[in-house]
Amino acid sequence: MSRALVIIGLLLVAAGLLWPLLSRLGLGKLPGDILIQRDDFTFYAPIASGVVVGIMLSLVLWLVNR
């Protein structure tokens, strides 16, 4: 359990450090992401981006557990 927590923590740190690069890839602006803007209200639901990140995270964890 502690090994998994350390790996997850390192992945979060790596994602934070690589965030400028990741934002240039288009995450958060994919076709399945919902953005509704009104005068004083903004709703953002990153559905497609969440699916992509989930698949990438599953792949990384699968490779680590292999």
PDB file of N, CA and C in Angstrom:
ATOM      1  N   MET A   1       0.829  -1.196   0.000  1.00  0.00           N
ATOM      2  CA  MET A   1       0.000   0.000   0.000  1.00  0.00           C
ATOM      3  C   MET A   1       0.867   1.251   0.000  1.00  0.00           C
ATOM      4  N   SER A   2       1.927   1.270   0.787  1.00  0.00           N
ATOM      5  CA  SER A   2       2.768   2.461   0.847  1.00  0.00           C
ATOM      6  C   SER A   2       3.487   2.689  -0.481  1.00  0.00           C
ATOM      7  N   ARG A   3       3.851   1.605  -1.158  1.00  0.00           N
ATOM      8  CA  ARG A   3       4.511   1.739  -2.457  1.00  0.00           C
ATOM      9  C   ARG A   3       3.575   2.404  -3.460  1.00  0.00           C
ATOM     10  N   ALA A   4       2.320   2.015  -3.451  1.00  0.00           N
ATOM     11  CA  ALA A   4       1.340   2.593  -4.367  1.00  0.00           C
ATOM     12  C   ALA A   4       1.130   4.076  -4.070  1.00  0.00           C
ATOM     13  N   LEU A   5       1.075   4.445  -2.801  1.00  0.00           N
ATOM     14  CA  LEU A   5       0.902   5.846  -2.444  1.00  0.00           C
ATOM     15  C   LEU A   5       2.101   6.686  -2.873  1.00  0.00           C
ATOM     16  N   VAL A   6       3.296   6.145  -2.730  1.00  0.00           N
ATOM     17  CA  VAL A   6       4.492   6.861  -3.163  1.00  0.00           C
ATOM     18  C   VAL A   6       4.469   7.055  -4.673  1.00  0.00           C
ATOM     19  N   ILE A   7       4.096   6.037  -5.404  1.00  0.00           N
ATOM     20  CA  ILE A   7       4.041   6.132  -6.868  1.00  0.00           C
ATOM     21  C   ILE A   7       2.983   7.145  -7.294  1.00  0.00           C
ATOM     22  N   ILE A   8       1.828   7.125  -6.661  1.00  0.00           N
ATOM     23  CA  ILE A   8       0.779   8.092  -6.989  1.00  0.00           C
ATOM     24  C   ILE A   8       1.243   9.506  -6.682  1.00  0.00           C
ATOM     25  N   GLY A   9       1.917   9.679  -5.556  1.00  0.00           N
ATOM     26  CA  GLY A   9       2.458  10.994  -5.210  1.00  0.00           C
ATOM     27  C   GLY A   9       3.480  11.474  -6.217  1.00  0.00           C
ATOM     28  N   LEU A  10       4.357  10.598  -6.656  1.00  0.00           N
ATOM     29  CA  LEU A  10       5.354  10.968  -7.658  1.00  0.00           C
ATOM     30  C   LEU A  10       4.706  11.310  -8.992  1.00  0.00           C
ATOM     31  N   LEU A  11       3.651  10.589  -9.353  1.00  0.00           N
ATOM     32  CA  LEU A  11       2.930  10.896 -10.585  1.00  0.00           C
ATOM     33  C   LEU A  11       2.259  12.266 -10.510  1.00  0.00           C
ATOM     34  N   LEU A  12       1.711  12.595  -9.354  1.00  0.00           N
ATOM     35  CA  LEU A  12       1.090  13.907  -9.189  1.00  0.00           C
ATOM     36  C   LEU A  12       2.129  15.027  -9.263  1.00  0.00           C
ATOM     37  N   VAL A  13       3.285  14.811  -8.655  1.00  0.00           N
ATOM     38  CA  VAL A  13       4.360  15.807  -8.733  1.00  0.00           C
ATOM     39  C   VAL A  13       4.825  15.966 -10.177  1.00  0.00           C
ATOM     40  N   ALA A  14       4.992  14.856 -10.876  1.00  0.00           N
ATOM     41  CA  ALA A  14       5.416  14.912 -12.279  1.00  0.00           C
ATOM     42  C   ALA A  14       4.377  15.636 -13.127  1.00  0.00           C
ATOM     43  N   ALA A  15       3.095  15.383 -12.894  1.00  0.00           N
ATOM     44  CA  ALA A  15       2.046  16.070 -13.650  1.00  0.00           C
ATOM     45  C   ALA A  15       2.058  17.562 -13.358  1.00  0.00           C
ATOM     46  N   GLY A  16       2.316  17.927 -12.112  1.00  0.00           N
ATOM     47  CA  GLY A  16       2.396  19.342 -11.756  1.00  0.00           C
ATOM     48  C   GLY A  16       3.566  20.034 -12.419  1.00  0.00           C
ATOM     49  N   LEU A  17       4.691  19.355 -12.479  1.00  0.00           N
ATOM     50  CA  LEU A  17       5.867  19.950 -13.120  1.00  0.00           C
ATOM     51  C   LEU A  17       5.721  20.032 -14.632  1.00  0.00           C
ATOM     52  N   LEU A  18       5.012  19.086 -15.198  1.00  0.00           N
ATOM     53  CA  LEU A  18       4.828  19.045 -16.644  1.00  0.00           C
ATOM     54  C   LEU A  18       3.555  19.742 -17.111  1.00  0.00           C
ATOM     55  N   TRP A  19       2.858  20.428 -16.202  1.00  0.00           N
ATOM     56  CA  TRP A  19       1.580  21.042 -16.548  1.00  0.00           C
ATOM     57  C   TRP A  19       1.668  22.019 -17.725  1.00  0.00           C
ATOM     58  N   PRO A  20       2.696  22.873 -17.811  1.00  0.00           N
ATOM     59  CA  PRO A  20       2.771  23.756 -18.993  1.00  0.00           C
ATOM     60  C   PRO A  20       2.827  22.969 -20.302  1.00  0.00           C
ATOM     61  N   LEU A  21       3.529  21.867 -20.318  1.00  0.00           N
ATOM     62  CA  LEU A  21       3.595  21.034 -21.517  1.00  0.00           C
ATOM     63  C   LEU A  21       2.257  20.350 -21.777  1.00  0.00           C
ATOM     64  N   LEU A  22       1.619  19.857 -20.725  1.00  0.00           N
ATOM     65  CA  LEU A  22       0.332  19.170 -20.873  1.00  0.00           C
ATOM     66  C   LEU A  22      -0.762  20.121 -21.354  1.00  0.00           C
ATOM     67  N   SER A  23      -0.707  21.371 -20.940  1.00  0.00           N
ATOM     68  CA  SER A  23      -1.729  22.322 -21.375  1.00  0.00           C
ATOM     69  C   SER A  23      -1.591  22.633 -22.861  1.00  0.00           C
ATOM     70  N   ARG A  24      -0.391  22.524 -23.398  1.00  0.00           N
ATOM     71  CA  ARG A  24      -0.193  22.744 -24.833  1.00  0.00           C
ATOM     72  C   ARG A  24      -0.714  21.572 -25.668  1.00  0.00           C
ATOM     73  N   LEU A  25      -0.895  20.409 -25.056  1.00  0.00           N
ATOM     74  CA  LEU A  25      -1.398  19.241 -25.784  1.00  0.00           C
ATOM     75  C   LEU A  25      -2.895  19.331 -26.068  1.00  0.00           C
ATOM     76  N   GLY A  26      -3.590  20.232 -25.406  1.00  0.00           N
ATOM     77  CA  GLY A  26      -5.013  20.400 -25.662  1.00  0.00           C
ATOM     78  C   GLY A  26      -5.920  19.788 -24.624  1.00  0.00           C
ATOM     79  N   LEU A  27      -5.360  19.241 -23.548  1.00  0.00           N
ATOM     80  CA  LEU A  27      -6.215  18.697 -22.495  1.00  0.00           C
ATOM     81  C   LEU A  27      -7.031  19.840 -21.901  1.00  0.00           C
ATOM     82  N   GLY A  28      -8.311  19.618 -21.733  1.00  0.00           N
ATOM     83  CA  GLY A  28      -9.198  20.661 -21.239  1.00  0.00           C
ATOM     84  C   GLY A  28      -9.940  21.359 -22.360  1.00  0.00           C
ATOM     85  N   LYS A  29      -9.570  21.090 -23.590  1.00  0.00           N
ATOM     86  CA  LYS A  29     -10.232  21.711 -24.732  1.00  0.00           C
ATOM     87  C   LYS A  29     -10.614  20.662 -25.779  1.00  0.00           C
ATOM     88  N   LEU A  30     -10.869  19.458 -25.332  1.00  0.00           N
ATOM     89  CA  LEU A  30     -11.240  18.381 -26.240  1.00  0.00           C
ATOM     90  C   LEU A  30     -12.714  18.511 -26.647  1.00  0.00           C
ATOM     91  N   PRO A  31     -13.118  17.878 -27.744  1.00  0.00           N
ATOM     92  CA  PRO A  31     -14.496  18.010 -28.216  1.00  0.00           C
ATOM     93  C   PRO A  31     -15.570  17.552 -27.224  1.00  0.00           C
ATOM     94  N   GLY A  32     -15.280  16.652 -26.325  1.00  0.00           N
ATOM     95  CA  GLY A  32     -16.282  16.181 -25.374  1.00  0.00           C
ATOM     96  C   GLY A  32     -16.349  16.978 -24.092  1.00  0.00           C
ATOM     97  N   ASP A  33     -15.543  18.015 -23.955  1.00  0.00           N
ATOM     98  CA  ASP A  33     -15.565  18.865 -22.767  1.00  0.00           C
ATOM     99  C   ASP A  33     -16.694  19.887 -22.899  1.00  0.00           C
ATOM    100  N   ILE A  34     -17.442  20.070 -21.823  1.00  0.00           N
ATOM    101  CA  ILE A  34     -18.603  20.961 -21.847  1.00  0.00           C
ATOM    102  C   ILE A  34     -18.236  22.266 -21.164  1.00  0.00           C
ATOM    103  N   LEU A  35     -18.470  23.374 -21.853  1.00  0.00           N
ATOM    104  CA  LEU A  35     -18.224  24.707 -21.311  1.00  0.00           C
ATOM    105  C   LEU A  35     -19.446  25.569 -21.591  1.00  0.00           C
ATOM    106  N   ILE A  36     -20.080  26.033 -20.514  1.00  0.00           N
ATOM    107  CA  ILE A  36     -21.234  26.916 -20.631  1.00  0.00           C
ATOM    108  C   ILE A  36     -20.879  28.212 -19.929  1.00  0.00           C
ATOM    109  N   GLN A  37     -20.922  29.313 -20.669  1.00  0.00           N
ATOM    110  CA  GLN A  37     -20.617  30.621 -20.092  1.00  0.00           C
ATOM    111  C   GLN A  37     -21.819  31.543 -20.244  1.00  0.00           C
ATOM    112  N   ARG A  38     -22.221  32.117 -19.145  1.00  0.00           N
ATOM    113  CA  ARG A  38     -23.283  33.126 -19.130  1.00  0.00           C
ATOM    114  C   ARG A  38     -22.671  34.402 -18.568  1.00  0.00           C
ATOM    115  N   ASP A  39     -23.492  35.399 -18.331  1.00  0.00           N
ATOM    116  CA  ASP A  39     -22.989  36.684 -17.840  1.00  0.00           C
ATOM    117  C   ASP A  39     -22.226  36.559 -16.529  1.00  0.00           C
ATOM    118  N   ASP A  40     -22.816  35.899 -15.547  1.00  0.00           N
ATOM    119  CA  ASP A  40     -22.169  35.774 -14.237  1.00  0.00           C
ATOM    120  C   ASP A  40     -22.037  34.318 -13.796  1.00  0.00           C
ATOM    121  N   PHE A  41     -22.002  33.405 -14.758  1.00  0.00           N
ATOM    122  CA  PHE A  41     -21.966  31.979 -14.432  1.00  0.00           C
ATOM    123  C   PHE A  41     -21.115  31.247 -15.466  1.00  0.00           C
ATOM    124  N   THR A  42     -20.230  30.382 -14.990  1.00  0.00           N
ATOM    125  CA  THR A  42     -19.428  29.543 -15.877  1.00  0.00           C
ATOM    126  C   THR A  42     -19.481  28.119 -15.358  1.00  0.00           C
ATOM    127  N   PHE A  43     -19.818  27.192 -16.242  1.00  0.00           N
ATOM    128  CA  PHE A  43     -19.856  25.767 -15.901  1.00  0.00           C
ATOM    129  C   PHE A  43     -18.906  25.038 -16.835  1.00  0.00           C
ATOM    130  N   TYR A  44     -17.999  24.262 -16.265  1.00  0.00           N
ATOM    131  CA  TYR A  44     -17.029  23.521 -17.057  1.00  0.00           C
ATOM    132  C   TYR A  44     -17.010  22.077 -16.583  1.00  0.00           C
ATOM    133  N   ALA A  45     -17.261  21.133 -17.486  1.00  0.00           N
ATOM    134  CA  ALA A  45     -17.227  19.711 -17.174  1.00  0.00           C
ATOM    135  C   ALA A  45     -16.276  19.033 -18.164  1.00  0.00           C
ATOM    136  N   PRO A  46     -15.053  18.731 -17.737  1.00  0.00           N
ATOM    137  CA  PRO A  46     -14.059  18.137 -18.648  1.00  0.00           C
ATOM    138  C   PRO A  46     -14.257  16.627 -18.805  1.00  0.00           C
ATOM    139  N   ILE A  47     -15.307  16.234 -19.454  1.00  0.00           N
ATOM    140  CA  ILE A  47     -15.651  14.811 -19.574  1.00  0.00           C
ATOM    141  C   ILE A  47     -14.630  14.070 -20.435  1.00  0.00           C
ATOM    142  N   ALA A  48     -14.371  14.554 -21.631  1.00  0.00           N
ATOM    143  CA  ALA A  48     -13.431  13.869 -22.532  1.00  0.00           C
ATOM    144  C   ALA A  48     -12.010  13.908 -21.973  1.00  0.00           C
ATOM    145  N   SER A  49     -11.626  15.031 -21.392  1.00  0.00           N
ATOM    146  CA  SER A  49     -10.287  15.122 -20.810  1.00  0.00           C
ATOM    147  C   SER A  49     -10.135  14.151 -19.642  1.00  0.00           C
ATOM    148  N   GLY A  50     -11.196  14.006 -18.848  1.00  0.00           N
ATOM    149  CA  GLY A  50     -11.165  13.056 -17.739  1.00  0.00           C
ATOM    150  C   GLY A  50     -11.027  11.621 -18.210  1.00  0.00           C
ATOM    151  N   VAL A  51     -11.690  11.295 -19.302  1.00  0.00           N
ATOM    152  CA  VAL A  51     -11.576   9.943 -19.859  1.00  0.00           C
ATOM    153  C   VAL A  51     -10.155   9.691 -20.354  1.00  0.00           C
ATOM    154  N   VAL A  52      -9.581  10.664 -21.051  1.00  0.00           N
ATOM    155  CA  VAL A  52      -8.213  10.513 -21.565  1.00  0.00           C
ATOM    156  C   VAL A  52      -7.219  10.370 -20.422  1.00  0.00           C
ATOM    157  N   VAL A  53      -7.333  11.208 -19.405  1.00  0.00           N
ATOM    158  CA  VAL A  53      -6.426  11.117 -18.257  1.00  0.00           C
ATOM    159  C   VAL A  53      -6.617   9.797 -17.529  1.00  0.00           C
ATOM    160  N   GLY A  54      -7.857   9.327 -17.407  1.00  0.00           N
ATOM    161  CA  GLY A  54      -8.122   8.041 -16.755  1.00  0.00           C
ATOM    162  C   GLY A  54      -7.494   6.872 -17.507  1.00  0.00           C
ATOM    163  N   ILE A  55      -7.583   6.907 -18.817  1.00  0.00           N
ATOM    164  CA  ILE A  55      -6.966   5.840 -19.620  1.00  0.00           C
ATOM    165  C   ILE A  55      -5.452   5.872 -19.480  1.00  0.00           C
ATOM    166  N   MET A  56      -4.869   7.073 -19.532  1.00  0.00           N
ATOM    167  CA  MET A  56      -3.412   7.190 -19.385  1.00  0.00           C
ATOM    168  C   MET A  56      -2.960   6.725 -18.002  1.00  0.00           C
ATOM    169  N   LEU A  57      -3.696   7.103 -16.966  1.00  0.00           N
ATOM    170  CA  LEU A  57      -3.352   6.690 -15.612  1.00  0.00           C
ATOM    171  C   LEU A  57      -3.497   5.183 -15.444  1.00  0.00           C
ATOM    172  N   SER A  58      -4.529   4.601 -16.021  1.00  0.00           N
ATOM    173  CA  SER A  58      -4.704   3.145 -15.961  1.00  0.00           C
ATOM    174  C   SER A  58      -3.555   2.423 -16.653  1.00  0.00           C
ATOM    175  N   LEU A  59      -3.127   2.948 -17.778  1.00  0.00           N
ATOM    176  CA  LEU A  59      -2.015   2.346 -18.506  1.00  0.00           C
ATOM    177  C   LEU A  59      -0.718   2.418 -17.693  1.00  0.00           C
ATOM    178  N   VAL A  60      -0.464   3.566 -17.083  1.00  0.00           N
ATOM    179  CA  VAL A  60       0.756   3.717 -16.272  1.00  0.00           C
ATOM    180  C   VAL A  60       0.718   2.780 -15.076  1.00  0.00           C
ATOM    181  N   LEU A  61      -0.408   2.717 -14.385  1.00  0.00           N
ATOM    182  CA  LEU A  61      -0.505   1.832 -13.218  1.00  0.00           C
ATOM    183  C   LEU A  61      -0.417   0.361 -13.628  1.00  0.00           C
ATOM    184  N   TRP A  62      -0.962   0.007 -14.784  1.00  0.00           N
ATOM    185  CA  TRP A  62      -0.856  -1.358 -15.269  1.00  0.00           C
ATOM    186  C   TRP A  62       0.608  -1.700 -15.553  1.00  0.00           C
ATOM    187  N   LEU A  63       1.340  -0.777 -16.150  1.00  0.00           N
ATOM    188  CA  LEU A  63       2.753  -1.008 -16.424  1.00  0.00           C
ATOM    189  C   LEU A  63       3.586  -1.109 -15.136  1.00  0.00           C
ATOM    190  N   VAL A  64       3.218  -0.317 -14.122  1.00  0.00           N
ATOM    191  CA  VAL A  64       3.947  -0.361 -12.851  1.00  0.00           C
ATOM    192  C   VAL A  64       3.699  -1.675 -12.140  1.00  0.00           C
ATOM    193  N   ASN A  65       2.485  -2.189 -12.190  1.00  0.00           N
ATOM    194  CA  ASN A  65       2.147  -3.434 -11.495  1.00  0.00           C
ATOM    195  C   ASN A  65       2.593  -4.688 -12.250  1.00  0.00           C
ATOM    196  N   ARG A  66       3.064  -4.538 -13.443  1.00  0.00           N
ATOM    197  CA  ARG A  66       3.466  -5.667 -14.260  1.00  0.00           C
ATOM    198  C   ARG A  66       4.737  -6.283 -13.805  1.00  0.00           C
TER     199      ARG A  66
END
